[in-house]
C-alpha atoms as a PDB file:
ATOM      1  CA  UNK A   1      45.500 -16.776 -35.496  1.00  0.00           C
ATOM      2  CA  UNK A   2      48.860 -15.459 -36.686  1.00  0.00           C
ATOM      3  CA  UNK A   3      50.997 -17.420 -39.160  1.00  0.00           C
ATOM      4  CA  UNK A   4      53.153 -18.980 -36.435  1.00  0.00           C
ATOM      5  CA  UNK A   5      49.995 -20.287 -34.687  1.00  0.00           C
ATOM      6  CA  UNK A   6      50.746 -17.971 -31.784  1.00  0.00           C
ATOM      7  CA  UNK A   7      47.760 -15.729 -31.072  1.00  0.00           C
ATOM      8  CA  UNK A   8      48.272 -11.980 -31.250  1.00  0.00           C
ATOM      9  CA  UNK A   9      47.405  -9.773 -28.292  1.00  0.00           C
ATOM     10  CA  UNK A  10      44.230  -8.735 -30.092  1.00  0.00           C
ATOM     11  CA  UNK A  11      43.237 -12.366 -30.643  1.00  0.00           C
ATOM     12  CA  UNK A  12      43.916 -13.230 -26.989  1.00  0.00           C
ATOM     13  CA  UNK A  13      41.807 -10.329 -25.736  1.00  0.00           C
ATOM     14  CA  UNK A  14      38.998 -11.004 -28.201  1.00  0.00           C
ATOM     15  CA  UNK A  15      38.772 -14.625 -27.104  1.00  0.00           C
ATOM     16  CA  UNK A  16      39.049 -13.836 -23.380  1.00  0.00           C
ATOM     17  CA  UNK A  17      36.319 -11.211 -23.556  1.00  0.00           C
ATOM     18  CA  UNK A  18      34.001 -13.429 -25.604  1.00  0.00           C
ATOM     19  CA  UNK A  19      34.511 -16.600 -23.577  1.00  0.00           C
ATOM     20  CA  UNK A  20      35.119 -15.348 -20.032  1.00  0.00           C
ATOM     21  CA  UNK A  21      34.521 -11.665 -19.308  1.00  0.00           C
ATOM     22  CA  UNK A  22      31.359 -10.917 -21.287  1.00  0.00           C
ATOM     23  CA  UNK A  23      29.445 -13.945 -19.957  1.00  0.00           C
ATOM     24  CA  UNK A  24      30.641 -13.332 -16.388  1.00  0.00           C
ATOM     25  CA  UNK A  25      29.664  -9.654 -16.339  1.00  0.00           C
ATOM     26  CA  UNK A  26      26.335 -10.408 -18.003  1.00  0.00           C
ATOM     27  CA  UNK A  27      25.557 -13.038 -15.366  1.00  0.00           C
ATOM     28  CA  UNK A  28      26.857 -11.175 -12.318  1.00  0.00           C
ATOM     29  CA  UNK A  29      25.684  -7.616 -12.935  1.00  0.00           C
ATOM     30  CA  UNK A  30      23.758  -7.558 -16.237  1.00  0.00           C
ATOM     31  CA  UNK A  31      26.526  -5.456 -17.797  1.00  0.00           C
ATOM     32  CA  UNK A  32      27.526  -5.781 -21.431  1.00  0.00           C
ATOM     33  CA  UNK A  33      31.222  -5.889 -22.257  1.00  0.00           C
ATOM     34  CA  UNK A  34      32.451  -5.758 -25.862  1.00  0.00           C
ATOM     35  CA  UNK A  35      35.936  -5.677 -27.324  1.00  0.00           C
ATOM     36  CA  UNK A  36      36.731  -3.350 -30.240  1.00  0.00           C
ATOM     37  CA  UNK A  37      40.478  -3.662 -30.752  1.00  0.00           C
ATOM     38  CA  UNK A  38      43.859  -2.749 -29.316  1.00  0.00           C
ATOM     39  CA  UNK A  39      45.233   0.783 -29.325  1.00  0.00           C
ATOM     40  CA  UNK A  40      48.795   1.556 -30.418  1.00  0.00           C
ATOM     41  CA  UNK A  41      49.815   1.833 -26.782  1.00  0.00           C
ATOM     42  CA  UNK A  42      48.500  -1.648 -25.882  1.00  0.00           C
ATOM     43  CA  UNK A  43      45.155  -0.738 -24.345  1.00  0.00           C
ATOM     44  CA  UNK A  44      42.014  -2.714 -25.076  1.00  0.00           C
ATOM     45  CA  UNK A  45      39.184  -0.608 -26.515  1.00  0.00           C
ATOM     46  CA  UNK A  46      36.132  -1.785 -24.597  1.00  0.00           C
ATOM     47  CA  UNK A  47      32.468  -0.984 -24.991  1.00  0.00           C
ATOM     48  CA  UNK A  48      30.656  -1.061 -21.666  1.00  0.00           C
ATOM     49  CA  UNK A  49      26.964  -0.868 -20.866  1.00  0.00           C
ATOM     50  CA  UNK A  50      25.475  -1.091 -17.403  1.00  0.00           C
ATOM     51  CA  UNK A  51      21.849  -1.575 -16.414  1.00  0.00           C
ATOM     52  CA  UNK A  52      22.194   1.591 -14.322  1.00  0.00           C
ATOM     53  CA  UNK A  53      22.041   3.894 -17.320  1.00  0.00           C
ATOM     54  CA  UNK A  54      24.373   6.860 -17.144  1.00  0.00           C
ATOM     55  CA  UNK A  55      25.322   6.578 -13.485  1.00  0.00           C
ATOM     56  CA  UNK A  56      29.015   7.629 -13.265  1.00  0.00           C
ATOM     57  CA  UNK A  57      29.610   5.431 -10.231  1.00  0.00           C
ATOM     58  CA  UNK A  58      28.322   2.326 -12.034  1.00  0.00           C
ATOM     59  CA  UNK A  59      30.455   3.084 -15.083  1.00  0.00           C
ATOM     60  CA  UNK A  60      33.566   3.553 -12.958  1.00  0.00           C
ATOM     61  CA  UNK A  61      32.927   0.308 -11.064  1.00  0.00           C
ATOM     62  CA  UNK A  62      32.439  -1.675 -14.266  1.00  0.00           C
ATOM     63  CA  UNK A  63      35.443  -0.014 -15.899  1.00  0.00           C
ATOM     64  CA  UNK A  64      37.703  -0.864 -12.975  1.00  0.00           C
ATOM     65  CA  UNK A  65      36.324  -4.395 -12.703  1.00  0.00           C
ATOM     66  CA  UNK A  66      36.806  -5.089 -16.415  1.00  0.00           C
ATOM     67  CA  UNK A  67      40.322  -3.655 -16.391  1.00  0.00           C
ATOM     68  CA  UNK A  68      41.404  -5.641 -13.333  1.00  0.00           C
ATOM     69  CA  UNK A  69      39.900  -8.873 -14.696  1.00  0.00           C
ATOM     70  CA  UNK A  70      41.375  -8.440 -18.163  1.00  0.00           C
ATOM     71  CA  UNK A  71      44.837  -7.493 -16.937  1.00  0.00           C
ATOM     72  CA  UNK A  72      44.901 -10.417 -14.516  1.00  0.00           C
ATOM     73  CA  UNK A  73      44.114 -12.813 -17.379  1.00  0.00           C
ATOM     74  CA  UNK A  74      46.346 -11.104 -19.975  1.00  0.00           C
ATOM     75  CA  UNK A  75      49.163  -9.133 -18.304  1.00  0.00           C
ATOM     76  CA  UNK A  76      50.403  -7.774 -21.671  1.00  0.00           C
ATOM     77  CA  UNK A  77      47.345  -5.496 -21.813  1.00  0.00           C
ATOM     78  CA  UNK A  78      48.345  -2.002 -20.644  1.00  0.00           C
ATOM     79  CA  UNK A  79      44.826  -1.107 -19.513  1.00  0.00           C
ATOM     80  CA  UNK A  80      41.509  -0.389 -21.136  1.00  0.00           C
ATOM     81  CA  UNK A  81      40.134   2.504 -23.108  1.00  0.00           C
ATOM     82  CA  UNK A  82      36.428   2.392 -22.259  1.00  0.00           C
ATOM     83  CA  UNK A  83      33.509   3.941 -24.019  1.00  0.00           C
ATOM     84  CA  UNK A  84      29.940   3.557 -22.967  1.00  0.00           C
ATOM     85  CA  UNK A  85      27.293   1.954 -25.127  1.00  0.00           C
END
């Protein structure tokens, strides 16, 4: 946590992904969601893996679902920058 005991955006996202999003997506659709940092423009760098392999439709669905969930929990996030594991 930062010196003033106020979590940074990166700390908020890291905790939210670890405690809420990753377990929920693993349970609901067997997808893996990992957080890798915040870009300079405020986007969360997210690693995504679906059980559907390289299906573009599955990746787009997961990407949109993760972005909507994350932005609803942490409005300061400008979006996500996904890459596929």
